[in-house]
C-alpha atoms as a PDB file:
ATOM      1  CA  GLN A   1       0.000   0.000   0.000  1.00  0.00           C
ATOM      2  CA  VAL A   2       1.294   3.432  -0.943  1.00  0.00           C
ATOM      3  CA  HIS A   3       0.103   6.692   0.535  1.00  0.00           C
ATOM      4  CA  VAL A   4       0.632  10.085  -1.068  1.00  0.00           C
ATOM      5  CA  VAL A   5       0.124  13.163   1.086  1.00  0.00           C
ATOM      6  CA  GLU A   6       0.317  16.803   0.054  1.00  0.00           C
ATOM      7  CA  SER A   7       0.946  19.741   2.355  1.00  0.00           C
ATOM      8  CA  GLY A   8       1.689  23.456   2.186  1.00  0.00           C
ATOM      9  CA  GLY A   9      -1.469  24.917   0.707  1.00  0.00           C
ATOM     10  CA  GLY A  10      -3.211  27.964   2.097  1.00  0.00           C
ATOM     11  CA  LEU A  11      -4.309  31.513   1.499  1.00  0.00           C
ATOM     12  CA  VAL A  12      -1.851  33.955  -0.050  1.00  0.00           C
ATOM     13  CA  GLN A  13      -2.103  37.423  -1.548  1.00  0.00           C
ATOM     14  CA  PRO A  14      -1.503  38.024  -5.256  1.00  0.00           C
ATOM     15  CA  GLY A  15       2.208  38.196  -5.935  1.00  0.00           C
ATOM     16  CA  GLY A  16       2.985  35.985  -2.961  1.00  0.00           C
ATOM     17  CA  SER A  17       4.619  32.574  -2.732  1.00  0.00           C
ATOM     18  CA  LEU A  18       3.808  29.132  -1.428  1.00  0.00           C
ATOM     19  CA  ARG A  19       5.718  25.876  -1.353  1.00  0.00           C
ATOM     20  CA  LEU A  20       3.826  22.623  -1.701  1.00  0.00           C
ATOM     21  CA  SER A  21       5.252  19.316  -0.592  1.00  0.00           C
ATOM     22  CA  CYS A  22       4.203  15.792  -1.411  1.00  0.00           C
ATOM     23  CA  ALA A  23       5.521  12.633   0.172  1.00  0.00           C
ATOM     24  CA  ALA A  24       4.923   9.023  -0.754  1.00  0.00           C
ATOM     25  CA  SER A  25       5.198   6.322   1.870  1.00  0.00           C
ATOM     26  CA  GLY A  26       4.604   2.623   2.010  1.00  0.00           C
ATOM     27  CA  SER A  27       5.863  -0.309  -0.007  1.00  0.00           C
ATOM     28  CA  ILE A  28       7.887   1.607  -2.561  1.00  0.00           C
ATOM     29  CA  VAL A  29      11.518   2.095  -3.406  1.00  0.00           C
ATOM     30  CA  SER A  30      11.318   5.106  -5.675  1.00  0.00           C
ATOM     31  CA  MET A  31       9.042   6.885  -8.120  1.00  0.00           C
ATOM     32  CA  LYS A  32       9.566   7.054 -11.869  1.00  0.00           C
ATOM     33  CA  ARG A  33       7.669  10.298 -12.269  1.00  0.00           C
ATOM     34  CA  TRP A  34       5.943  12.922 -10.125  1.00  0.00           C
ATOM     35  CA  GLY A  35       3.314  15.351 -11.255  1.00  0.00           C
ATOM     36  CA  TRP A  36       1.482  18.297  -9.770  1.00  0.00           C
ATOM     37  CA  TYR A  37      -2.014  18.865 -11.117  1.00  0.00           C
ATOM     38  CA  ARG A  38      -4.666  21.363 -10.202  1.00  0.00           C
ATOM     39  CA  GLN A  39      -8.412  21.633 -10.472  1.00  0.00           C
ATOM     40  CA  ALA A  40     -10.346  24.844 -10.122  1.00  0.00           C
ATOM     41  CA  PRO A  41     -14.106  24.867  -9.495  1.00  0.00           C
ATOM     42  CA  GLY A  42     -16.020  23.984 -12.646  1.00  0.00           C
ATOM     43  CA  LYS A  43     -12.855  23.128 -14.555  1.00  0.00           C
ATOM     44  CA  GLN A  44     -11.055  19.958 -15.502  1.00  0.00           C
ATOM     45  CA  ARG A  45      -7.948  18.814 -13.719  1.00  0.00           C
ATOM     46  CA  GLU A  46      -4.842  20.029 -15.522  1.00  0.00           C
ATOM     47  CA  LEU A  47      -1.142  19.303 -15.370  1.00  0.00           C
ATOM     48  CA  VAL A  48       0.935  22.008 -13.724  1.00  0.00           C
ATOM     49  CA  ALA A  49       4.396  20.459 -13.705  1.00  0.00           C
ATOM     50  CA  SER A  50       6.116  17.099 -13.713  1.00  0.00           C
ATOM     51  CA  ILE A  51       9.538  15.682 -12.947  1.00  0.00           C
ATOM     52  CA  THR A  52      11.090  12.321 -13.692  1.00  0.00           C
ATOM     53  CA  TYR A  53      13.420  10.220 -11.563  1.00  0.00           C
ATOM     54  CA  GLY A  54      16.262  11.613 -13.669  1.00  0.00           C
ATOM     55  CA  ARG A  55      14.984  15.131 -12.875  1.00  0.00           C
ATOM     56  CA  SER A  56      13.738  16.048 -16.324  1.00  0.00           C
ATOM     57  CA  THR A  57      11.038  18.645 -15.838  1.00  0.00           C
ATOM     58  CA  ASN A  58       7.999  19.800 -17.758  1.00  0.00           C
ATOM     59  CA  TYR A  59       5.817  22.836 -17.078  1.00  0.00           C
ATOM     60  CA  ALA A  60       2.474  24.079 -18.283  1.00  0.00           C
ATOM     61  CA  ASP A  61       2.819  27.343 -20.165  1.00  0.00           C
ATOM     62  CA  PHE A  62       0.735  29.190 -17.600  1.00  0.00           C
ATOM     63  CA  VAL A  63       3.303  28.574 -14.821  1.00  0.00           C
ATOM     64  CA  LYS A  64       6.598  28.787 -16.701  1.00  0.00           C
ATOM     65  CA  GLY A  65       8.936  31.211 -15.024  1.00  0.00           C
ATOM     66  CA  ARG A  66       6.846  31.293 -11.838  1.00  0.00           C
ATOM     67  CA  PHE A  67       6.720  27.717 -10.520  1.00  0.00           C
ATOM     68  CA  THR A  68       9.573  25.295  -9.920  1.00  0.00           C
ATOM     69  CA  ILE A  69       9.228  21.561  -9.351  1.00  0.00           C
ATOM     70  CA  SER A  70      11.939  19.617  -7.558  1.00  0.00           C
ATOM     71  CA  SER A  71      12.299  16.220  -5.963  1.00  0.00           C
ATOM     72  CA  ASP A  72      14.252  14.279  -3.394  1.00  0.00           C
ATOM     73  CA  ASN A  73      14.413  10.698  -4.623  1.00  0.00           C
ATOM     74  CA  ALA A  74      15.879   9.404  -1.378  1.00  0.00           C
ATOM     75  CA  LYS A  75      12.913  10.771   0.555  1.00  0.00           C
ATOM     76  CA  ASN A  76      10.284  10.018  -2.115  1.00  0.00           C
ATOM     77  CA  THR A  77       9.226  13.622  -1.890  1.00  0.00           C
ATOM     78  CA  VAL A  78       8.415  16.261  -4.477  1.00  0.00           C
ATOM     79  CA  TYR A  79       8.040  20.001  -4.071  1.00  0.00           C
ATOM     80  CA  LEU A  80       6.370  22.785  -5.972  1.00  0.00           C
ATOM     81  CA  GLN A  81       7.678  26.274  -5.341  1.00  0.00           C
ATOM     82  CA  MET A  82       5.070  28.764  -6.494  1.00  0.00           C
ATOM     83  CA  ASN A  83       6.051  32.404  -6.884  1.00  0.00           C
ATOM     84  CA  SER A  84       4.246  35.434  -8.276  1.00  0.00           C
ATOM     85  CA  LEU A  85       0.921  33.792  -7.565  1.00  0.00           C
ATOM     86  CA  LYS A  86      -2.166  35.050  -9.341  1.00  0.00           C
ATOM     87  CA  PRO A  87      -5.852  34.751  -8.441  1.00  0.00           C
ATOM     88  CA  GLU A  88      -6.253  32.362 -11.370  1.00  0.00           C
ATOM     89  CA  ASP A  89      -3.850  29.960  -9.652  1.00  0.00           C
ATOM     90  CA  THR A  90      -6.564  29.306  -7.082  1.00  0.00           C
ATOM     91  CA  ALA A  91      -7.365  25.603  -7.158  1.00  0.00           C
ATOM     92  CA  VAL A  92      -6.976  22.317  -5.374  1.00  0.00           C
ATOM     93  CA  TYR A  93      -3.501  21.032  -6.120  1.00  0.00           C
ATOM     94  CA  TYR A  94      -3.009  17.296  -6.408  1.00  0.00           C
ATOM     95  CA  CYS A  95       0.151  15.238  -6.337  1.00  0.00           C
ATOM     96  CA  ASN A  96       0.521  12.239  -8.622  1.00  0.00           C
ATOM     97  CA  ALA A  97       3.219   9.632  -8.070  1.00  0.00           C
ATOM     98  CA  VAL A  98       3.954   7.049 -10.756  1.00  0.00           C
ATOM     99  CA  GLY A  99       6.090   4.076  -9.889  1.00  0.00           C
ATOM    100  CA  TRP A 100       7.890   1.552 -12.056  1.00  0.00           C
ATOM    101  CA  GLY A 101       5.120  -1.048 -12.153  1.00  0.00           C
ATOM    102  CA  VAL A 102       2.144  -0.905 -14.517  1.00  0.00           C
ATOM    103  CA  LYS A 103      -0.319  -0.346 -11.678  1.00  0.00           C
ATOM    104  CA  ASP A 104       1.861   2.020  -9.663  1.00  0.00           C
ATOM    105  CA  ASP A 105      -0.124   5.226 -10.070  1.00  0.00           C
ATOM    106  CA  TYR A 106      -1.068   7.090  -6.905  1.00  0.00           C
ATOM    107  CA  TRP A 107      -2.865  10.313  -6.099  1.00  0.00           C
ATOM    108  CA  GLY A 108      -2.995  12.442  -2.992  1.00  0.00           C
ATOM    109  CA  GLN A 109      -6.141  13.971  -1.548  1.00  0.00           C
ATOM    110  CA  GLY A 110      -5.233  17.473  -2.655  1.00  0.00           C
ATOM    111  CA  THR A 111      -4.370  20.719  -0.940  1.00  0.00           C
ATOM    112  CA  GLN A 112      -6.244  23.985  -1.407  1.00  0.00           C
ATOM    113  CA  VAL A 113      -4.392  27.008  -2.712  1.00  0.00           C
ATOM    114  CA  THR A 114      -6.284  30.299  -2.629  1.00  0.00           C
ATOM    115  CA  VAL A 115      -4.815  33.487  -4.053  1.00  0.00           C
ATOM    116  CA  SER A 116      -6.821  36.479  -2.955  1.00  0.00           C
ATOM    117  CA  SER A 117      -6.410  39.915  -1.456  1.00  0.00           C
END
């Protein structure tokens, strides 16, 4: 059994910063790929950023230059540093951890990020 838990969400003013963390625990050795997704009310879930075990990264255009994804493979943890936050970044942010097996695909419960003055 693998558990994925996000933390670090909250309320921040426009232009502010937040750092999200996500940790996987349980019967795993390492993750092949991590992804941060978000879902705003009435919208579909969308990819924000991803990082592979080899630390190749990918970002959605709407966060390039503002968000940075990083990982600690030894700790099975991934981070999302979010700077210059905008009201449109308001959403529930979800962590996705993909392992090396076909069925190794895990999601966290999500953490709320609200950008408002």
